[in-house]
């Protein structure tokens, strides 16, 4: 579980990192080269797509941070975890559950995000 906890920590850190160079480094450490992400509002692949998506979310929600709410829980090459997007006052403005496929090297190959109704 420690490896999975580390990769989820990297995933959350990616969403919170505002420095483009540090964020790109986190992406490269946490995701496979062909890694993909899909949720009801986005579908991206590769480091460039992931980086652009995170930058756009940060622009849409300035001052907000993602936090791990529960998990990860895993079996085989799959895992799931729940996160929240919190504002500067600490109130959650969004909650979601992500389901991930983990590559043999322990990095994320694919993440599918589900958003809870507000």
C-alpha atoms as a PDB file:
ATOM      1  CA  UNK A   1       0.000   0.000   0.000  1.00  0.00           C
ATOM      2  CA  UNK A   2       2.928   2.345   0.602  1.00  0.00           C
ATOM      3  CA  UNK A   3       3.709   2.542  -3.138  1.00  0.00           C
ATOM      4  CA  UNK A   4       0.079   3.311  -3.910  1.00  0.00           C
ATOM      5  CA  UNK A   5      -0.056   5.938  -1.190  1.00  0.00           C
ATOM      6  CA  UNK A   6       3.046   7.545  -2.703  1.00  0.00           C
ATOM      7  CA  UNK A   7       1.575   7.629  -6.213  1.00  0.00           C
ATOM      8  CA  UNK A   8      -1.710   9.099  -4.929  1.00  0.00           C
ATOM      9  CA  UNK A   9       0.240  11.721  -2.983  1.00  0.00           C
ATOM     10  CA  UNK A  10       2.032  12.575  -6.241  1.00  0.00           C
ATOM     11  CA  UNK A  11      -1.281  12.754  -8.063  1.00  0.00           C
ATOM     12  CA  UNK A  12      -2.735  15.189  -5.513  1.00  0.00           C
ATOM     13  CA  UNK A  13       0.528  17.180  -5.538  1.00  0.00           C
ATOM     14  CA  UNK A  14       0.256  17.488  -9.336  1.00  0.00           C
ATOM     15  CA  UNK A  15      -3.148  19.177  -9.026  1.00  0.00           C
ATOM     16  CA  UNK A  16      -1.827  21.578  -6.376  1.00  0.00           C
ATOM     17  CA  UNK A  17       1.548  22.499  -7.884  1.00  0.00           C
ATOM     18  CA  UNK A  18       1.437  25.960  -9.461  1.00  0.00           C
ATOM     19  CA  UNK A  19       5.057  26.078 -10.630  1.00  0.00           C
ATOM     20  CA  UNK A  20       5.047  24.645 -14.191  1.00  0.00           C
ATOM     21  CA  UNK A  21       8.525  23.078 -13.956  1.00  0.00           C
ATOM     22  CA  UNK A  22       7.855  21.369 -10.627  1.00  0.00           C
ATOM     23  CA  UNK A  23       4.424  20.245 -11.821  1.00  0.00           C
ATOM     24  CA  UNK A  24       5.942  18.731 -14.966  1.00  0.00           C
ATOM     25  CA  UNK A  25       8.461  16.855 -12.836  1.00  0.00           C
ATOM     26  CA  UNK A  26       5.659  15.463 -10.655  1.00  0.00           C
ATOM     27  CA  UNK A  27       3.753  14.370 -13.767  1.00  0.00           C
ATOM     28  CA  UNK A  28       6.787  12.545 -15.148  1.00  0.00           C
ATOM     29  CA  UNK A  29       7.380  10.775 -11.822  1.00  0.00           C
ATOM     30  CA  UNK A  30       3.724   9.868 -11.242  1.00  0.00           C
ATOM     31  CA  UNK A  31       2.402   9.021 -14.733  1.00  0.00           C
ATOM     32  CA  UNK A  32       3.470   6.760 -17.593  1.00  0.00           C
ATOM     33  CA  UNK A  33       4.365   8.519 -20.846  1.00  0.00           C
ATOM     34  CA  UNK A  34       1.017   7.498 -22.353  1.00  0.00           C
ATOM     35  CA  UNK A  35      -0.968   8.206 -19.183  1.00  0.00           C
ATOM     36  CA  UNK A  36      -4.540   9.375 -19.697  1.00  0.00           C
ATOM     37  CA  UNK A  37      -7.136  11.180 -17.620  1.00  0.00           C
ATOM     38  CA  UNK A  38     -10.870  11.439 -18.245  1.00  0.00           C
ATOM     39  CA  UNK A  39     -13.747  12.929 -16.242  1.00  0.00           C
ATOM     40  CA  UNK A  40     -17.128  14.415 -17.202  1.00  0.00           C
ATOM     41  CA  UNK A  41     -15.433  17.677 -18.272  1.00  0.00           C
ATOM     42  CA  UNK A  42     -12.069  16.609 -19.708  1.00  0.00           C
ATOM     43  CA  UNK A  43     -10.197  13.961 -21.653  1.00  0.00           C
ATOM     44  CA  UNK A  44      -6.417  14.298 -21.972  1.00  0.00           C
ATOM     45  CA  UNK A  45      -3.363  12.131 -22.515  1.00  0.00           C
ATOM     46  CA  UNK A  46       0.372  12.485 -22.054  1.00  0.00           C
ATOM     47  CA  UNK A  47       2.362  14.943 -19.994  1.00  0.00           C
ATOM     48  CA  UNK A  48       1.385  17.932 -22.144  1.00  0.00           C
ATOM     49  CA  UNK A  49      -2.325  17.196 -21.854  1.00  0.00           C
ATOM     50  CA  UNK A  50      -2.161  16.574 -18.106  1.00  0.00           C
ATOM     51  CA  UNK A  51      -0.153  19.737 -17.514  1.00  0.00           C
ATOM     52  CA  UNK A  52      -2.538  21.874 -19.558  1.00  0.00           C
ATOM     53  CA  UNK A  53      -5.557  20.425 -17.746  1.00  0.00           C
ATOM     54  CA  UNK A  54      -4.120  21.133 -14.300  1.00  0.00           C
ATOM     55  CA  UNK A  55      -3.189  24.690 -15.303  1.00  0.00           C
ATOM     56  CA  UNK A  56      -6.748  25.269 -16.570  1.00  0.00           C
ATOM     57  CA  UNK A  57      -8.313  23.938 -13.354  1.00  0.00           C
ATOM     58  CA  UNK A  58      -6.003  26.122 -11.268  1.00  0.00           C
ATOM     59  CA  UNK A  59      -7.026  29.138 -13.344  1.00  0.00           C
ATOM     60  CA  UNK A  60     -10.708  28.294 -12.862  1.00  0.00           C
ATOM     61  CA  UNK A  61     -10.323  27.763  -9.086  1.00  0.00           C
ATOM     62  CA  UNK A  62      -7.590  30.141  -7.859  1.00  0.00           C
ATOM     63  CA  UNK A  63      -6.584  29.647  -4.222  1.00  0.00           C
ATOM     64  CA  UNK A  64      -8.166  26.181  -4.044  1.00  0.00           C
ATOM     65  CA  UNK A  65      -6.362  22.935  -3.179  1.00  0.00           C
ATOM     66  CA  UNK A  66      -7.062  19.266  -3.666  1.00  0.00           C
ATOM     67  CA  UNK A  67      -6.919  17.042  -0.586  1.00  0.00           C
ATOM     68  CA  UNK A  68      -7.185  13.281  -0.262  1.00  0.00           C
ATOM     69  CA  UNK A  69     -10.454  12.445   1.510  1.00  0.00           C
ATOM     70  CA  UNK A  70     -10.147   8.631   1.613  1.00  0.00           C
ATOM     71  CA  UNK A  71      -8.121   5.769   0.209  1.00  0.00           C
ATOM     72  CA  UNK A  72      -6.414   4.528  -1.705  1.00  0.00           C
ATOM     73  CA  UNK A  73      -8.063   1.135  -1.888  1.00  0.00           C
ATOM     74  CA  UNK A  74      -6.626  -1.305  -4.414  1.00  0.00           C
ATOM     75  CA  UNK A  75      -6.720  -4.733  -5.967  1.00  0.00           C
ATOM     76  CA  UNK A  76      -4.923  -6.137  -8.992  1.00  0.00           C
ATOM     77  CA  UNK A  77      -3.800  -3.155 -11.091  1.00  0.00           C
ATOM     78  CA  UNK A  78      -6.726  -0.942 -10.049  1.00  0.00           C
ATOM     79  CA  UNK A  79      -7.214   1.533  -7.237  1.00  0.00           C
ATOM     80  CA  UNK A  80      -9.708   4.116  -6.143  1.00  0.00           C
ATOM     81  CA  UNK A  81      -9.599   7.105  -3.858  1.00  0.00           C
ATOM     82  CA  UNK A  82     -11.742  10.096  -2.972  1.00  0.00           C
ATOM     83  CA  UNK A  83     -10.611  13.717  -3.018  1.00  0.00           C
ATOM     84  CA  UNK A  84     -12.042  17.114  -2.251  1.00  0.00           C
ATOM     85  CA  UNK A  85     -11.335  20.521  -3.741  1.00  0.00           C
ATOM     86  CA  UNK A  86     -11.244  22.996  -0.870  1.00  0.00           C
ATOM     87  CA  UNK A  87     -11.281  26.771  -0.905  1.00  0.00           C
ATOM     88  CA  UNK A  88      -9.065  29.080   1.108  1.00  0.00           C
ATOM     89  CA  UNK A  89     -11.556  28.899   3.998  1.00  0.00           C
ATOM     90  CA  UNK A  90     -11.259  25.086   4.079  1.00  0.00           C
ATOM     91  CA  UNK A  91     -14.763  24.384   2.791  1.00  0.00           C
ATOM     92  CA  UNK A  92     -15.092  21.710   0.113  1.00  0.00           C
ATOM     93  CA  UNK A  93     -16.462  23.036  -3.162  1.00  0.00           C
ATOM     94  CA  UNK A  94     -16.220  19.698  -4.991  1.00  0.00           C
ATOM     95  CA  UNK A  95     -15.811  16.028  -4.141  1.00  0.00           C
ATOM     96  CA  UNK A  96     -14.866  13.252  -6.491  1.00  0.00           C
ATOM     97  CA  UNK A  97     -13.775   9.660  -6.688  1.00  0.00           C
ATOM     98  CA  UNK A  98     -11.057   8.587  -9.071  1.00  0.00           C
ATOM     99  CA  UNK A  99     -10.440   5.082 -10.331  1.00  0.00           C
ATOM    100  CA  UNK A 100      -6.930   4.422 -11.602  1.00  0.00           C
ATOM    101  CA  UNK A 101      -5.077   1.776 -13.559  1.00  0.00           C
ATOM    102  CA  UNK A 102      -1.551   1.351 -12.229  1.00  0.00           C
ATOM    103  CA  UNK A 103       1.268   0.296 -14.558  1.00  0.00           C
ATOM    104  CA  UNK A 104       3.770  -2.416 -13.678  1.00  0.00           C
ATOM    105  CA  UNK A 105       6.299   0.249 -12.656  1.00  0.00           C
ATOM    106  CA  UNK A 106       3.843   1.686 -10.098  1.00  0.00           C
ATOM    107  CA  UNK A 107       2.978   4.840 -12.029  1.00  0.00           C
ATOM    108  CA  UNK A 108      -0.487   5.847 -13.179  1.00  0.00           C
ATOM    109  CA  UNK A 109      -1.493   4.609 -16.630  1.00  0.00           C
ATOM    110  CA  UNK A 110      -5.082   5.867 -16.631  1.00  0.00           C
ATOM    111  CA  UNK A 111      -7.399   7.729 -14.275  1.00  0.00           C
ATOM    112  CA  UNK A 112     -11.160   8.045 -14.619  1.00  0.00           C
ATOM    113  CA  UNK A 113     -12.701  10.727 -12.431  1.00  0.00           C
ATOM    114  CA  UNK A 114     -16.264  10.806 -11.124  1.00  0.00           C
ATOM    115  CA  UNK A 115     -17.715  13.978  -9.581  1.00  0.00           C
ATOM    116  CA  UNK A 116     -20.322  13.924  -6.842  1.00  0.00           C
ATOM    117  CA  UNK A 117     -23.339  16.146  -7.276  1.00  0.00           C
ATOM    118  CA  UNK A 118     -22.949  19.480  -5.533  1.00  0.00           C
END
